[in-house]
């Protein structure tokens, strides 16, 4: 049996549609500079998806102020369509500080034929 590769979405994939089956996992990785106070957050987790993991990605060079990233792993729970929206903002300032956003369309299909 071949090993399947888990899809990874980045900021370059905004508005891309990903097709999965229930139980499949996928990753989202977005660049972030935590030293500025800005952080990516999920606007609202769709019911068709489960958040498996969230983690910070350290910058490749340990230079003060260098940008790193944030990564999430999700699992598809049930068939249906969902939109996964992220906001890049300073949490204490709310949406008025939003500097960027990313959205991904998720289509979960039953693998029955």
PDB file of N, CA and C in Angstrom:
ATOM      1  N   UNK A   1       0.852  -1.174   0.000  1.00  0.00           N
ATOM      2  CA  UNK A   1       0.000   0.000   0.000  1.00  0.00           C
ATOM      3  C   UNK A   1       0.893   1.230   0.000  1.00  0.00           C
ATOM      4  N   UNK A   2       0.637   2.195  -0.896  1.00  0.00           N
ATOM      5  CA  UNK A   2       1.442   3.410  -0.983  1.00  0.00           C
ATOM      6  C   UNK A   2       1.133   4.373   0.146  1.00  0.00           C
ATOM      7  N   UNK A   3       2.114   5.182   0.484  1.00  0.00           N
ATOM      8  CA  UNK A   3       1.943   6.176   1.535  1.00  0.00           C
ATOM      9  C   UNK A   3       1.347   7.433   0.919  1.00  0.00           C
ATOM     10  N   UNK A   4       0.257   7.943   1.509  1.00  0.00           N
ATOM     11  CA  UNK A   4      -0.347   9.157   0.970  1.00  0.00           C
ATOM     12  C   UNK A   4       0.300  10.375   1.615  1.00  0.00           C
ATOM     13  N   UNK A   5       0.419  11.427   0.837  1.00  0.00           N
ATOM     14  CA  UNK A   5       1.038  12.654   1.321  1.00  0.00           C
ATOM     15  C   UNK A   5      -0.057  13.593   1.810  1.00  0.00           C
ATOM     16  N   UNK A   6       0.133  14.130   3.004  1.00  0.00           N
ATOM     17  CA  UNK A   6      -0.835  15.056   3.581  1.00  0.00           C
ATOM     18  C   UNK A   6      -0.660  16.420   2.903  1.00  0.00           C
ATOM     19  N   UNK A   7      -1.718  17.013   2.350  1.00  0.00           N
ATOM     20  CA  UNK A   7      -1.593  18.316   1.701  1.00  0.00           C
ATOM     21  C   UNK A   7      -1.203  19.398   2.710  1.00  0.00           C
ATOM     22  N   UNK A   8      -0.378  20.351   2.264  1.00  0.00           N
ATOM     23  CA  UNK A   8      -0.014  21.508   3.071  1.00  0.00           C
ATOM     24  C   UNK A   8      -0.380  22.765   2.300  1.00  0.00           C
ATOM     25  N   UNK A   9      -1.214  23.603   2.902  1.00  0.00           N
ATOM     26  CA  UNK A   9      -1.636  24.861   2.301  1.00  0.00           C
ATOM     27  C   UNK A   9      -0.837  26.000   2.913  1.00  0.00           C
ATOM     28  N   UNK A  10      -0.481  26.991   2.100  1.00  0.00           N
ATOM     29  CA  UNK A  10       0.248  28.167   2.570  1.00  0.00           C
ATOM     30  C   UNK A  10      -0.504  29.419   2.115  1.00  0.00           C
ATOM     31  N   UNK A  11       0.026  30.574   2.462  1.00  0.00           N
ATOM     32  CA  UNK A  11      -0.582  31.824   2.026  1.00  0.00           C
ATOM     33  C   UNK A  11      -0.695  31.932   0.517  1.00  0.00           C
ATOM     34  N   UNK A  12       0.169  31.250  -0.217  1.00  0.00           N
ATOM     35  CA  UNK A  12       0.106  31.252  -1.684  1.00  0.00           C
ATOM     36  C   UNK A  12      -1.087  30.465  -2.218  1.00  0.00           C
ATOM     37  N   UNK A  13      -1.713  29.666  -1.361  1.00  0.00           N
ATOM     38  CA  UNK A  13      -2.836  28.822  -1.780  1.00  0.00           C
ATOM     39  C   UNK A  13      -4.189  29.420  -1.421  1.00  0.00           C
ATOM     40  N   UNK A  14      -4.209  30.686  -0.999  1.00  0.00           N
ATOM     41  CA  UNK A  14      -5.468  31.321  -0.611  1.00  0.00           C
ATOM     42  C   UNK A  14      -6.492  31.159  -1.724  1.00  0.00           C
ATOM     43  N   UNK A  15      -7.682  30.810  -1.339  1.00  0.00           N
ATOM     44  CA  UNK A  15      -8.820  30.567  -2.231  1.00  0.00           C
ATOM     45  C   UNK A  15      -8.699  29.278  -3.035  1.00  0.00           C
ATOM     46  N   UNK A  16      -7.733  28.447  -2.709  1.00  0.00           N
ATOM     47  CA  UNK A  16      -7.611  27.132  -3.349  1.00  0.00           C
ATOM     48  C   UNK A  16      -8.609  26.174  -2.691  1.00  0.00           C
ATOM     49  N   UNK A  17      -9.154  25.248  -3.465  1.00  0.00           N
ATOM     50  CA  UNK A  17     -10.051  24.225  -2.933  1.00  0.00           C
ATOM     51  C   UNK A  17      -9.279  22.931  -2.751  1.00  0.00           C
ATOM     52  N   UNK A  18      -9.432  22.330  -1.591  1.00  0.00           N
ATOM     53  CA  UNK A  18      -8.795  21.048  -1.291  1.00  0.00           C
ATOM     54  C   UNK A  18      -9.900  20.011  -1.143  1.00  0.00           C
ATOM     55  N   UNK A  19      -9.754  18.877  -1.809  1.00  0.00           N
ATOM     56  CA  UNK A  19     -10.738  17.803  -1.726  1.00  0.00           C
ATOM     57  C   UNK A  19     -10.170  16.671  -0.881  1.00  0.00           C
ATOM     58  N   UNK A  20     -10.946  16.258   0.125  1.00  0.00           N
ATOM     59  CA  UNK A  20     -10.537  15.224   1.080  1.00  0.00           C
ATOM     60  C   UNK A  20     -11.659  14.221   1.260  1.00  0.00           C
ATOM     61  N   UNK A  21     -11.357  13.133   1.926  1.00  0.00           N
ATOM     62  CA  UNK A  21     -12.378  12.188   2.370  1.00  0.00           C
ATOM     63  C   UNK A  21     -12.389  12.211   3.896  1.00  0.00           C
ATOM     64  N   UNK A  22     -13.495  11.804   4.532  1.00  0.00           N
ATOM     65  CA  UNK A  22     -13.537  11.795   5.989  1.00  0.00           C
ATOM     66  C   UNK A  22     -12.352  11.013   6.568  1.00  0.00           C
ATOM     67  N   UNK A  23     -11.713  11.596   7.563  1.00  0.00           N
ATOM     68  CA  UNK A  23     -10.547  10.986   8.191  1.00  0.00           C
ATOM     69  C   UNK A  23      -9.226  11.513   7.662  1.00  0.00           C
ATOM     70  N   UNK A  24      -9.235  12.116   6.460  1.00  0.00           N
ATOM     71  CA  UNK A  24      -8.010  12.696   5.903  1.00  0.00           C
ATOM     72  C   UNK A  24      -7.563  13.887   6.740  1.00  0.00           C
ATOM     73  N   UNK A  25      -6.259  14.109   6.768  1.00  0.00           N
ATOM     74  CA  UNK A  25      -5.694  15.262   7.458  1.00  0.00           C
ATOM     75  C   UNK A  25      -4.993  16.162   6.449  1.00  0.00           C
ATOM     76  N   UNK A  26      -4.906  17.447   6.786  1.00  0.00           N
ATOM     77  CA  UNK A  26      -4.158  18.411   5.982  1.00  0.00           C
ATOM     78  C   UNK A  26      -3.578  19.462   6.911  1.00  0.00           C
ATOM     79  N   UNK A  27      -2.547  20.153   6.421  1.00  0.00           N
ATOM     80  CA  UNK A  27      -1.862  21.175   7.203  1.00  0.00           C
ATOM     81  C   UNK A  27      -2.041  22.540   6.559  1.00  0.00           C
ATOM     82  N   UNK A  28      -2.013  23.572   7.398  1.00  0.00           N
ATOM     83  CA  UNK A  28      -1.960  24.958   6.944  1.00  0.00           C
ATOM     84  C   UNK A  28      -0.750  25.584   7.610  1.00  0.00           C
ATOM     85  N   UNK A  29       0.105  26.242   6.817  1.00  0.00           N
ATOM     86  CA  UNK A  29       1.286  26.933   7.346  1.00  0.00           C
ATOM     87  C   UNK A  29       1.280  28.367   6.827  1.00  0.00           C
ATOM     88  N   UNK A  30       1.295  29.328   7.766  1.00  0.00           N
ATOM     89  CA  UNK A  30       1.277  30.745   7.413  1.00  0.00           C
ATOM     90  C   UNK A  30       2.420  31.467   8.110  1.00  0.00           C
ATOM     91  N   UNK A  31       3.087  32.370   7.371  1.00  0.00           N
ATOM     92  CA  UNK A  31       4.205  33.134   7.943  1.00  0.00           C
ATOM     93  C   UNK A  31       3.669  34.153   8.939  1.00  0.00           C
ATOM     94  N   UNK A  32       4.406  34.300  10.047  1.00  0.00           N
ATOM     95  CA  UNK A  32       3.985  35.235  11.082  1.00  0.00           C
ATOM     96  C   UNK A  32       5.214  35.785  11.784  1.00  0.00           C
ATOM     97  N   UNK A  33       5.118  37.019  12.232  1.00  0.00           N
ATOM     98  CA  UNK A  33       6.197  37.623  13.002  1.00  0.00           C
ATOM     99  C   UNK A  33       5.643  37.975  14.376  1.00  0.00           C
ATOM    100  N   UNK A  34       5.791  37.060  15.305  1.00  0.00           N
ATOM    101  CA  UNK A  34       5.219  37.218  16.642  1.00  0.00           C
ATOM    102  C   UNK A  34       5.815  38.401  17.394  1.00  0.00           C
ATOM    103  N   UNK A  35       7.018  38.832  17.033  1.00  0.00           N
ATOM    104  CA  UNK A  35       7.644  39.948  17.750  1.00  0.00           C
ATOM    105  C   UNK A  35       6.899  41.258  17.519  1.00  0.00           C
ATOM    106  N   UNK A  36       6.063  41.332  16.492  1.00  0.00           N
ATOM    107  CA  UNK A  36       5.272  42.532  16.224  1.00  0.00           C
ATOM    108  C   UNK A  36       3.933  42.498  16.947  1.00  0.00           C
ATOM    109  N   UNK A  37       3.627  41.374  17.582  1.00  0.00           N
ATOM    110  CA  UNK A  37       2.341  41.223  18.244  1.00  0.00           C
ATOM    111  C   UNK A  37       1.257  40.676  17.339  1.00  0.00           C
ATOM    112  N   UNK A  38       1.563  40.551  16.051  1.00  0.00           N
ATOM    113  CA  UNK A  38       0.577  39.995  15.128  1.00  0.00           C
ATOM    114  C   UNK A  38       0.614  38.478  15.196  1.00  0.00           C
ATOM    115  N   UNK A  39      -0.575  37.886  15.068  1.00  0.00           N
ATOM    116  CA  UNK A  39      -0.684  36.436  15.139  1.00  0.00           C
ATOM    117  C   UNK A  39      -1.847  35.988  14.254  1.00  0.00           C
ATOM    118  N   UNK A  40      -1.659  34.846  13.602  1.00  0.00           N
ATOM    119  CA  UNK A  40      -2.737  34.251  12.813  1.00  0.00           C
ATOM    120  C   UNK A  40      -3.708  33.550  13.757  1.00  0.00           C
ATOM    121  N   UNK A  41      -4.988  33.687  13.475  1.00  0.00           N
ATOM    122  CA  UNK A  41      -5.995  32.962  14.244  1.00  0.00           C
ATOM    123  C   UNK A  41      -7.088  32.479  13.296  1.00  0.00           C
ATOM    124  N   UNK A  42      -7.735  31.407  13.692  1.00  0.00           N
ATOM    125  CA  UNK A  42      -8.841  30.851  12.915  1.00  0.00           C
ATOM    126  C   UNK A  42     -10.077  31.675  13.233  1.00  0.00           C
ATOM    127  N   UNK A  43     -10.752  32.141  12.189  1.00  0.00           N
ATOM    128  CA  UNK A  43     -11.949  32.945  12.406  1.00  0.00           C
ATOM    129  C   UNK A  43     -13.029  32.114  13.094  1.00  0.00           C
ATOM    130  N   UNK A  44     -13.345  30.969  12.523  1.00  0.00           N
ATOM    131  CA  UNK A  44     -14.315  30.045  13.119  1.00  0.00           C
ATOM    132  C   UNK A  44     -14.035  28.660  12.546  1.00  0.00           C
ATOM    133  N   UNK A  45     -13.901  27.677  13.415  1.00  0.00           N
ATOM    134  CA  UNK A  45     -13.617  26.318  12.956  1.00  0.00           C
ATOM    135  C   UNK A  45     -14.908  25.681  12.441  1.00  0.00           C
ATOM    136  N   UNK A  46     -14.957  25.318  11.157  1.00  0.00           N
ATOM    137  CA  UNK A  46     -16.154  24.673  10.617  1.00  0.00           C
ATOM    138  C   UNK A  46     -16.417  23.327  11.307  1.00  0.00           C
ATOM    139  N   UNK A  47     -17.680  22.980  11.451  1.00  0.00           N
ATOM    140  CA  UNK A  47     -18.064  21.737  12.129  1.00  0.00           C
ATOM    141  C   UNK A  47     -17.545  20.499  11.408  1.00  0.00           C
ATOM    142  N   UNK A  48     -17.289  20.597  10.110  1.00  0.00           N
ATOM    143  CA  UNK A  48     -16.816  19.445   9.329  1.00  0.00           C
ATOM    144  C   UNK A  48     -15.338  19.150   9.556  1.00  0.00           C
ATOM    145  N   UNK A  49     -14.641  20.042  10.301  1.00  0.00           N
ATOM    146  CA  UNK A  49     -13.208  19.871  10.528  1.00  0.00           C
ATOM    147  C   UNK A  49     -12.888  19.805  12.010  1.00  0.00           C
ATOM    148  N   UNK A  50     -11.831  19.076  12.325  1.00  0.00           N
ATOM    149  CA  UNK A  50     -11.331  18.984  13.695  1.00  0.00           C
ATOM    150  C   UNK A  50      -9.906  19.529  13.712  1.00  0.00           C
ATOM    151  N   UNK A  51      -9.610  20.416  14.673  1.00  0.00           N
ATOM    152  CA  UNK A  51      -8.248  20.907  14.851  1.00  0.00           C
ATOM    153  C   UNK A  51      -7.475  19.854  15.620  1.00  0.00           C
ATOM    154  N   UNK A  52      -6.420  19.321  15.013  1.00  0.00           N
ATOM    155  CA  UNK A  52      -5.610  18.265  15.619  1.00  0.00           C
ATOM    156  C   UNK A  52      -4.431  18.863  16.372  1.00  0.00           C
ATOM    157  N   UNK A  53      -3.816  19.906  15.786  1.00  0.00           N
ATOM    158  CA  UNK A  53      -2.607  20.476  16.380  1.00  0.00           C
ATOM    159  C   UNK A  53      -2.412  21.899  15.887  1.00  0.00           C
ATOM    160  N   UNK A  54      -1.874  22.758  16.766  1.00  0.00           N
ATOM    161  CA  UNK A  54      -1.429  24.096  16.383  1.00  0.00           C
ATOM    162  C   UNK A  54      -0.049  24.292  16.983  1.00  0.00           C
ATOM    163  N   UNK A  55       0.876  24.841  16.180  1.00  0.00           N
ATOM    164  CA  UNK A  55       2.230  25.044  16.707  1.00  0.00           C
ATOM    165  C   UNK A  55       2.894  26.236  16.032  1.00  0.00           C
ATOM    166  N   UNK A  56       3.882  26.797  16.715  1.00  0.00           N
ATOM    167  CA  UNK A  56       4.695  27.886  16.184  1.00  0.00           C
ATOM    168  C   UNK A  56       5.864  27.288  15.420  1.00  0.00           C
ATOM    169  N   UNK A  57       6.216  27.888  14.301  1.00  0.00           N
ATOM    170  CA  UNK A  57       7.381  27.469  13.525  1.00  0.00           C
ATOM    171  C   UNK A  57       8.455  28.538  13.723  1.00  0.00           C
ATOM    172  N   UNK A  58       9.552  28.160  14.343  1.00  0.00           N
ATOM    173  CA  UNK A  58      10.636  29.106  14.605  1.00  0.00           C
ATOM    174  C   UNK A  58      11.279  29.559  13.301  1.00  0.00           C
ATOM    175  N   UNK A  59      11.798  30.800  13.272  1.00  0.00           N
ATOM    176  CA  UNK A  59      12.493  31.259  12.066  1.00  0.00           C
ATOM    177  C   UNK A  59      13.729  30.417  11.794  1.00  0.00           C
ATOM    178  N   UNK A  60      14.118  30.279  10.523  1.00  0.00           N
ATOM    179  CA  UNK A  60      15.289  29.455  10.195  1.00  0.00           C
ATOM    180  C   UNK A  60      16.576  30.011  10.802  1.00  0.00           C
ATOM    181  N   UNK A  61      16.666  31.326  10.907  1.00  0.00           N
ATOM    182  CA  UNK A  61      17.832  31.964  11.525  1.00  0.00           C
ATOM    183  C   UNK A  61      17.382  32.601  12.834  1.00  0.00           C
ATOM    184  N   UNK A  62      18.098  32.369  13.930  1.00  0.00           N
ATOM    185  CA  UNK A  62      17.681  32.926  15.222  1.00  0.00           C
ATOM    186  C   UNK A  62      18.022  34.417  15.357  1.00  0.00           C
ATOM    187  N   UNK A  63      17.625  35.215  14.370  1.00  0.00           N
ATOM    188  CA  UNK A  63      17.881  36.648  14.365  1.00  0.00           C
ATOM    189  C   UNK A  63      16.730  37.366  15.062  1.00  0.00           C
ATOM    190  N   UNK A  64      17.017  38.312  15.959  1.00  0.00           N
ATOM    191  CA  UNK A  64      15.932  39.056  16.604  1.00  0.00           C
ATOM    192  C   UNK A  64      15.021  39.709  15.567  1.00  0.00           C
ATOM    193  N   UNK A  65      13.720  39.530  15.739  1.00  0.00           N
ATOM    194  CA  UNK A  65      12.743  40.107  14.832  1.00  0.00           C
ATOM    195  C   UNK A  65      12.473  39.307  13.578  1.00  0.00           C
ATOM    196  N   UNK A  66      13.156  38.179  13.404  1.00  0.00           N
ATOM    197  CA  UNK A  66      12.947  37.362  12.200  1.00  0.00           C
ATOM    198  C   UNK A  66      11.557  36.723  12.223  1.00  0.00           C
ATOM    199  N   UNK A  67      10.959  36.630  11.054  1.00  0.00           N
ATOM    200  CA  UNK A  67       9.627  36.032  10.941  1.00  0.00           C
ATOM    201  C   UNK A  67       9.712  34.511  10.988  1.00  0.00           C
ATOM    202  N   UNK A  68       8.768  33.930  11.667  1.00  0.00           N
ATOM    203  CA  UNK A  68       8.623  32.479  11.698  1.00  0.00           C
ATOM    204  C   UNK A  68       7.301  32.132  11.041  1.00  0.00           C
ATOM    205  N   UNK A  69       6.529  31.314  11.694  1.00  0.00           N
ATOM    206  CA  UNK A  69       5.235  30.954  11.145  1.00  0.00           C
ATOM    207  C   UNK A  69       4.379  30.243  12.164  1.00  0.00           C
ATOM    208  N   UNK A  70       3.181  29.919  11.758  1.00  0.00           N
ATOM    209  CA  UNK A  70       2.263  29.156  12.592  1.00  0.00           C
ATOM    210  C   UNK A  70       1.711  28.045  11.719  1.00  0.00           C
ATOM    211  N   UNK A  71       1.547  26.871  12.300  1.00  0.00           N
ATOM    212  CA  UNK A  71       1.059  25.707  11.551  1.00  0.00           C
ATOM    213  C   UNK A  71      -0.094  25.057  12.296  1.00  0.00           C
ATOM    214  N   UNK A  72      -1.041  24.572  11.545  1.00  0.00           N
ATOM    215  CA  UNK A  72      -2.192  23.855  12.088  1.00  0.00           C
ATOM    216  C   UNK A  72      -2.342  22.555  11.324  1.00  0.00           C
ATOM    217  N   UNK A  73      -2.798  21.530  12.005  1.00  0.00           N
ATOM    218  CA  UNK A  73      -3.170  20.268  11.357  1.00  0.00           C
ATOM    219  C   UNK A  73      -4.661  20.063  11.626  1.00  0.00           C
ATOM    220  N   UNK A  74      -5.391  19.746  10.562  1.00  0.00           N
ATOM    221  CA  UNK A  74      -6.827  19.531  10.650  1.00  0.00           C
ATOM    222  C   UNK A  74      -7.173  18.139  10.151  1.00  0.00           C
ATOM    223  N   UNK A  75      -8.307  17.618  10.636  1.00  0.00           N
ATOM    224  CA  UNK A  75      -8.842  16.335  10.170  1.00  0.00           C
ATOM    225  C   UNK A  75     -10.262  16.579   9.662  1.00  0.00           C
ATOM    226  N   UNK A  76     -10.563  16.015   8.490  1.00  0.00           N
ATOM    227  CA  UNK A  76     -11.914  16.083   7.936  1.00  0.00           C
ATOM    228  C   UNK A  76     -12.790  15.076   8.674  1.00  0.00           C
ATOM    229  N   UNK A  77     -13.944  15.531   9.151  1.00  0.00           N
ATOM    230  CA  UNK A  77     -14.815  14.653   9.938  1.00  0.00           C
ATOM    231  C   UNK A  77     -15.954  14.043   9.132  1.00  0.00           C
ATOM    232  N   UNK A  78     -16.565  14.830   8.268  1.00  0.00           N
ATOM    233  CA  UNK A  78     -17.749  14.346   7.560  1.00  0.00           C
ATOM    234  C   UNK A  78     -17.850  15.022   6.199  1.00  0.00           C
ATOM    235  N   UNK A  79     -18.583  14.391   5.301  1.00  0.00           N
ATOM    236  CA  UNK A  79     -18.764  14.939   3.957  1.00  0.00           C
ATOM    237  C   UNK A  79     -19.450  16.298   4.021  1.00  0.00           C
ATOM    238  N   UNK A  80     -19.051  17.165   3.118  1.00  0.00           N
ATOM    239  CA  UNK A  80     -19.637  18.503   3.038  1.00  0.00           C
ATOM    240  C   UNK A  80     -18.600  19.514   2.582  1.00  0.00           C
ATOM    241  N   UNK A  81     -19.047  20.749   2.450  1.00  0.00           N
ATOM    242  CA  UNK A  81     -18.166  21.841   2.042  1.00  0.00           C
ATOM    243  C   UNK A  81     -17.960  22.783   3.217  1.00  0.00           C
ATOM    244  N   UNK A  82     -16.756  23.288   3.356  1.00  0.00           N
ATOM    245  CA  UNK A  82     -16.445  24.212   4.443  1.00  0.00           C
ATOM    246  C   UNK A  82     -15.471  25.267   3.938  1.00  0.00           C
ATOM    247  N   UNK A  83     -15.471  26.401   4.603  1.00  0.00           N
ATOM    248  CA  UNK A  83     -14.514  27.468   4.303  1.00  0.00           C
ATOM    249  C   UNK A  83     -13.715  27.698   5.576  1.00  0.00           C
ATOM    250  N   UNK A  84     -12.407  27.652   5.453  1.00  0.00           N
ATOM    251  CA  UNK A  84     -11.511  27.831   6.592  1.00  0.00           C
ATOM    252  C   UNK A  84     -10.851  29.201   6.436  1.00  0.00           C
ATOM    253  N   UNK A  85     -11.196  30.132   7.337  1.00  0.00           N
ATOM    254  CA  UNK A  85     -10.723  31.511   7.249  1.00  0.00           C
ATOM    255  C   UNK A  85      -9.787  31.835   8.402  1.00  0.00           C
ATOM    256  N   UNK A  86      -8.685  32.502   8.077  1.00  0.00           N
ATOM    257  CA  UNK A  86      -7.691  32.930   9.061  1.00  0.00           C
ATOM    258  C   UNK A  86      -7.540  34.441   8.992  1.00  0.00           C
ATOM    259  N   UNK A  87      -7.262  35.052  10.145  1.00  0.00           N
ATOM    260  CA  UNK A  87      -6.992  36.489  10.229  1.00  0.00           C
ATOM    261  C   UNK A  87      -5.628  36.696  10.867  1.00  0.00           C
ATOM    262  N   UNK A  88      -4.890  37.661  10.347  1.00  0.00           N
ATOM    263  CA  UNK A  88      -3.583  38.030  10.895  1.00  0.00           C
ATOM    264  C   UNK A  88      -3.763  39.380  11.573  1.00  0.00           C
ATOM    265  N   UNK A  89      -3.774  39.376  12.900  1.00  0.00           N
ATOM    266  CA  UNK A  89      -4.053  40.595  13.640  1.00  0.00           C
ATOM    267  C   UNK A  89      -3.377  40.586  15.001  1.00  0.00           C
ATOM    268  N   UNK A  90      -3.452  41.722  15.681  1.00  0.00           N
ATOM    269  CA  UNK A  90      -2.993  41.812  17.061  1.00  0.00           C
ATOM    270  C   UNK A  90      -4.208  41.498  17.925  1.00  0.00           C
ATOM    271  N   UNK A  91      -4.206  40.382  18.638  1.00  0.00           N
ATOM    272  CA  UNK A  91      -5.406  39.919  19.339  1.00  0.00           C
ATOM    273  C   UNK A  91      -6.039  40.955  20.271  1.00  0.00           C
ATOM    274  N   UNK A  92      -5.243  41.761  20.946  1.00  0.00           N
ATOM    275  CA  UNK A  92      -5.794  42.723  21.895  1.00  0.00           C
ATOM    276  C   UNK A  92      -6.438  43.918  21.195  1.00  0.00           C
ATOM    277  N   UNK A  93      -6.123  44.131  19.906  1.00  0.00           N
ATOM    278  CA  UNK A  93      -6.698  45.232  19.135  1.00  0.00           C
ATOM    279  C   UNK A  93      -7.954  44.803  18.379  1.00  0.00           C
ATOM    280  N   UNK A  94      -8.134  43.503  18.201  1.00  0.00           N
ATOM    281  CA  UNK A  94      -9.299  43.007  17.484  1.00  0.00           C
ATOM    282  C   UNK A  94      -9.193  43.197  15.979  1.00  0.00           C
ATOM    283  N   UNK A  95     -10.341  43.140  15.303  1.00  0.00           N
ATOM    284  CA  UNK A  95     -10.347  43.147  13.838  1.00  0.00           C
ATOM    285  C   UNK A  95      -9.859  44.458  13.236  1.00  0.00           C
ATOM    286  N   UNK A  96      -9.858  45.548  14.007  1.00  0.00           N
ATOM    287  CA  UNK A  96      -9.362  46.821  13.466  1.00  0.00           C
ATOM    288  C   UNK A  96      -7.869  46.753  13.138  1.00  0.00           C
ATOM    289  N   UNK A  97      -7.155  45.785  13.719  1.00  0.00           N
ATOM    290  CA  UNK A  97      -5.716  45.648  13.460  1.00  0.00           C
ATOM    291  C   UNK A  97      -5.401  44.609  12.382  1.00  0.00           C
ATOM    292  N   UNK A  98      -6.440  44.059  11.735  1.00  0.00           N
ATOM    293  CA  UNK A  98      -6.206  42.986  10.776  1.00  0.00           C
ATOM    294  C   UNK A  98      -5.310  43.461   9.632  1.00  0.00           C
ATOM    295  N   UNK A  99      -4.172  42.779   9.448  1.00  0.00           N
ATOM    296  CA  UNK A  99      -3.199  43.143   8.424  1.00  0.00           C
ATOM    297  C   UNK A  99      -3.229  42.202   7.222  1.00  0.00           C
ATOM    298  N   UNK A 100      -3.830  41.025   7.380  1.00  0.00           N
ATOM    299  CA  UNK A 100      -3.865  40.057   6.286  1.00  0.00           C
ATOM    300  C   UNK A 100      -4.938  39.026   6.599  1.00  0.00           C
ATOM    301  N   UNK A 101      -5.299  38.271   5.600  1.00  0.00           N
ATOM    302  CA  UNK A 101      -6.236  37.165   5.792  1.00  0.00           C
ATOM    303  C   UNK A 101      -5.943  36.084   4.768  1.00  0.00           C
ATOM    304  N   UNK A 102      -6.374  34.883   5.085  1.00  0.00           N
ATOM    305  CA  UNK A 102      -6.209  33.740   4.184  1.00  0.00           C
ATOM    306  C   UNK A 102      -7.455  32.875   4.300  1.00  0.00           C
ATOM    307  N   UNK A 103      -7.916  32.364   3.178  1.00  0.00           N
ATOM    308  CA  UNK A 103      -9.114  31.524   3.151  1.00  0.00           C
ATOM    309  C   UNK A 103      -8.867  30.313   2.267  1.00  0.00           C
ATOM    310  N   UNK A 104      -9.393  29.193   2.706  1.00  0.00           N
ATOM    311  CA  UNK A 104      -9.248  27.948   1.955  1.00  0.00           C
ATOM    312  C   UNK A 104     -10.610  27.259   1.891  1.00  0.00           C
ATOM    313  N   UNK A 105     -10.979  26.784   0.715  1.00  0.00           N
ATOM    314  CA  UNK A 105     -12.219  26.031   0.539  1.00  0.00           C
ATOM    315  C   UNK A 105     -11.899  24.553   0.716  1.00  0.00           C
ATOM    316  N   UNK A 106     -12.670  23.893   1.564  1.00  0.00           N
ATOM    317  CA  UNK A 106     -12.462  22.477   1.853  1.00  0.00           C
ATOM    318  C   UNK A 106     -13.696  21.708   1.399  1.00  0.00           C
ATOM    319  N   UNK A 107     -13.473  20.702   0.578  1.00  0.00           N
ATOM    320  CA  UNK A 107     -14.554  19.837   0.109  1.00  0.00           C
ATOM    321  C   UNK A 107     -14.259  18.430   0.623  1.00  0.00           C
ATOM    322  N   UNK A 108     -15.172  17.911   1.438  1.00  0.00           N
ATOM    323  CA  UNK A 108     -15.009  16.554   1.976  1.00  0.00           C
ATOM    324  C   UNK A 108     -16.049  15.674   1.295  1.00  0.00           C
ATOM    325  N   UNK A 109     -15.566  14.643   0.596  1.00  0.00           N
ATOM    326  CA  UNK A 109     -16.456  13.752  -0.148  1.00  0.00           C
ATOM    327  C   UNK A 109     -16.337  12.334   0.402  1.00  0.00           C
ATOM    328  N   UNK A 110     -17.455  11.629   0.410  1.00  0.00           N
ATOM    329  CA  UNK A 110     -17.414  10.215   0.801  1.00  0.00           C
ATOM    330  C   UNK A 110     -16.652   9.447  -0.261  1.00  0.00           C
ATOM    331  N   UNK A 111     -15.868   8.479   0.152  1.00  0.00           N
ATOM    332  CA  UNK A 111     -15.076   7.698  -0.798  1.00  0.00           C
ATOM    333  C   UNK A 111     -15.847   6.505  -1.346  1.00  0.00           C
ATOM    334  N   UNK A 112     -17.143   6.454  -1.081  1.00  0.00           N
ATOM    335  CA  UNK A 112     -17.965   5.367  -1.614  1.00  0.00           C
ATOM    336  C   UNK A 112     -18.188   5.603  -3.104  1.00  0.00           C
ATOM    337  N   UNK A 113     -18.190   4.536  -3.854  1.00  0.00           N
ATOM    338  CA  UNK A 113     -18.431   4.668  -5.298  1.00  0.00           C
ATOM    339  C   UNK A 113     -19.745   4.046  -5.678  1.00  0.00           C
TER     340      UNK A 113
END
